[in-house]
Amino acid sequence: MTKNELAKAISEESGFTIKDATKFLDAFVDVVTDVLSKGDDVALVGFGTFSRAERSARIGRDFGTGKSVEIPASKTVKFKIGKNLREAVN
């Protein structure tokens, strides 16, 4: 599902215009991004939790040359599925 398809589905479900649903979706993404960049979690009860995680530096392999490459430490985002979403998917 693309962003436009999601906005249309939100519009149909909520009664908002597609323009308002798109604005909502953009605001949601901006807020979640801002909160995660500050190191906090976003928990949506029953849906899931977005959290920031640290990846330590490690040695990887360049498959083209076969040489070892050092991969620097980085931050990433994890999502832990909530009970209601898990049940709906199963």
C-alpha atoms as a PDB file:
ATOM      1  CA  MET A   1       0.000   0.000   0.000  1.00  0.00           C
ATOM      2  CA  THR A   2       1.408   3.375  -0.988  1.00  0.00           C
ATOM      3  CA  LYS A   3       1.085   6.609   0.965  1.00  0.00           C
ATOM      4  CA  ASN A   4      -1.662   7.828  -1.382  1.00  0.00           C
ATOM      5  CA  GLU A   5      -3.582   4.573  -1.025  1.00  0.00           C
ATOM      6  CA  LEU A   6      -3.254   4.778   2.757  1.00  0.00           C
ATOM      7  CA  ALA A   7      -4.500   8.375   2.763  1.00  0.00           C
ATOM      8  CA  LYS A   8      -7.478   7.340   0.634  1.00  0.00           C
ATOM      9  CA  ALA A   9      -8.276   4.445   3.002  1.00  0.00           C
ATOM     10  CA  ILE A  10      -8.032   6.777   6.020  1.00  0.00           C
ATOM     11  CA  SER A  11     -10.326   9.204   4.217  1.00  0.00           C
ATOM     12  CA  GLU A  12     -12.920   6.527   3.536  1.00  0.00           C
ATOM     13  CA  GLU A  13     -12.753   5.133   7.095  1.00  0.00           C
ATOM     14  CA  SER A  14     -12.853   8.486   8.910  1.00  0.00           C
ATOM     15  CA  GLY A  15     -14.966  10.675   6.660  1.00  0.00           C
ATOM     16  CA  PHE A  16     -12.113  13.191   6.265  1.00  0.00           C
ATOM     17  CA  THR A  17     -11.242  14.536   2.849  1.00  0.00           C
ATOM     18  CA  ILE A  18      -8.282  12.926   1.123  1.00  0.00           C
ATOM     19  CA  LYS A  19      -6.407  16.214   1.554  1.00  0.00           C
ATOM     20  CA  ASP A  20      -7.028  16.193   5.330  1.00  0.00           C
ATOM     21  CA  ALA A  21      -6.116  12.511   5.579  1.00  0.00           C
ATOM     22  CA  THR A  22      -2.852  13.223   3.755  1.00  0.00           C
ATOM     23  CA  LYS A  23      -2.123  16.119   6.127  1.00  0.00           C
ATOM     24  CA  PHE A  24      -2.812  13.820   9.085  1.00  0.00           C
ATOM     25  CA  LEU A  25      -0.541  11.126   7.695  1.00  0.00           C
ATOM     26  CA  ASP A  26       2.267  13.634   7.057  1.00  0.00           C
ATOM     27  CA  ALA A  27       1.893  15.031  10.590  1.00  0.00           C
ATOM     28  CA  PHE A  28       1.927  11.524  12.080  1.00  0.00           C
ATOM     29  CA  VAL A  29       5.150  10.636  10.254  1.00  0.00           C
ATOM     30  CA  ASP A  30       6.757  13.956  11.268  1.00  0.00           C
ATOM     31  CA  VAL A  31       5.835  13.529  14.951  1.00  0.00           C
ATOM     32  CA  VAL A  32       6.993   9.901  15.118  1.00  0.00           C
ATOM     33  CA  THR A  33      10.261  10.844  13.393  1.00  0.00           C
ATOM     34  CA  ASP A  34      10.832  13.749  15.793  1.00  0.00           C
ATOM     35  CA  VAL A  35      10.082  11.668  18.902  1.00  0.00           C
ATOM     36  CA  LEU A  36      12.343   8.803  17.790  1.00  0.00           C
ATOM     37  CA  SER A  37      15.168  11.183  16.876  1.00  0.00           C
ATOM     38  CA  LYS A  38      15.058  12.482  20.480  1.00  0.00           C
ATOM     39  CA  GLY A  39      15.450   8.913  21.780  1.00  0.00           C
ATOM     40  CA  ASP A  40      11.887   8.382  23.033  1.00  0.00           C
ATOM     41  CA  ASP A  41       9.468   5.586  22.110  1.00  0.00           C
ATOM     42  CA  VAL A  42       6.049   5.864  20.455  1.00  0.00           C
ATOM     43  CA  ALA A  43       3.573   3.352  21.890  1.00  0.00           C
ATOM     44  CA  LEU A  44       0.173   2.830  20.290  1.00  0.00           C
ATOM     45  CA  VAL A  45      -1.687   0.474  22.646  1.00  0.00           C
ATOM     46  CA  GLY A  46      -2.880  -2.620  20.793  1.00  0.00           C
ATOM     47  CA  PHE A  47      -1.026  -1.660  17.611  1.00  0.00           C
ATOM     48  CA  GLY A  48       2.645  -1.634  18.581  1.00  0.00           C
ATOM     49  CA  THR A  49       5.645   0.330  19.764  1.00  0.00           C
ATOM     50  CA  PHE A  50       8.256   2.154  17.700  1.00  0.00           C
ATOM     51  CA  SER A  51      11.596   2.414  19.512  1.00  0.00           C
ATOM     52  CA  ARG A  52      15.129   3.468  18.742  1.00  0.00           C
ATOM     53  CA  ALA A  53      17.910   0.876  19.010  1.00  0.00           C
ATOM     54  CA  GLU A  54      21.687   1.003  18.819  1.00  0.00           C
ATOM     55  CA  ARG A  55      23.690  -1.189  16.467  1.00  0.00           C
ATOM     56  CA  SER A  56      27.282  -1.753  17.531  1.00  0.00           C
ATOM     57  CA  ALA A  57      30.211  -1.536  15.140  1.00  0.00           C
ATOM     58  CA  ARG A  58      31.009  -4.835  13.453  1.00  0.00           C
ATOM     59  CA  ILE A  59      33.029  -6.432  10.693  1.00  0.00           C
ATOM     60  CA  GLY A  60      31.204  -7.234   7.459  1.00  0.00           C
ATOM     61  CA  ARG A  61      32.267  -8.635   4.119  1.00  0.00           C
ATOM     62  CA  ASP A  62      32.342  -6.941   0.723  1.00  0.00           C
ATOM     63  CA  PHE A  63      30.938  -9.710  -1.465  1.00  0.00           C
ATOM     64  CA  GLY A  64      32.387  -8.153  -4.599  1.00  0.00           C
ATOM     65  CA  THR A  65      36.001  -8.261  -3.420  1.00  0.00           C
ATOM     66  CA  GLY A  66      35.762 -10.705  -0.516  1.00  0.00           C
ATOM     67  CA  LYS A  67      37.560  -8.236   1.768  1.00  0.00           C
ATOM     68  CA  SER A  68      36.490  -7.508   5.341  1.00  0.00           C
ATOM     69  CA  VAL A  69      34.893  -4.114   5.869  1.00  0.00           C
ATOM     70  CA  GLU A  70      34.325  -2.309   9.154  1.00  0.00           C
ATOM     71  CA  ILE A  71      30.679  -1.284   9.549  1.00  0.00           C
ATOM     72  CA  PRO A  72      30.370   1.664  11.952  1.00  0.00           C
ATOM     73  CA  ALA A  73      27.943   1.819  14.883  1.00  0.00           C
ATOM     74  CA  SER A  74      24.541   3.264  14.008  1.00  0.00           C
ATOM     75  CA  LYS A  75      21.043   3.866  15.280  1.00  0.00           C
ATOM     76  CA  THR A  76      17.964   2.161  13.854  1.00  0.00           C
ATOM     77  CA  VAL A  77      14.229   1.898  14.523  1.00  0.00           C
ATOM     78  CA  LYS A  78      12.501  -1.236  15.785  1.00  0.00           C
ATOM     79  CA  PHE A  79       8.796  -2.027  15.843  1.00  0.00           C
ATOM     80  CA  LYS A  80       7.275  -4.399  18.373  1.00  0.00           C
ATOM     81  CA  ILE A  81       3.845  -5.579  17.281  1.00  0.00           C
ATOM     82  CA  GLY A  82       0.921  -5.102  19.686  1.00  0.00           C
ATOM     83  CA  LYS A  83      -1.523  -7.790  20.784  1.00  0.00           C
ATOM     84  CA  ASN A  84      -4.529  -6.553  18.744  1.00  0.00           C
ATOM     85  CA  LEU A  85      -2.501  -6.232  15.541  1.00  0.00           C
ATOM     86  CA  ARG A  86      -0.905  -9.656  16.083  1.00  0.00           C
ATOM     87  CA  GLU A  87      -4.339 -11.247  16.532  1.00  0.00           C
ATOM     88  CA  ALA A  88      -5.754  -9.476  13.469  1.00  0.00           C
ATOM     89  CA  VAL A  89      -2.858 -10.623  11.278  1.00  0.00           C
ATOM     90  CA  ASN A  90      -3.034 -14.212  12.512  1.00  0.00           C
END
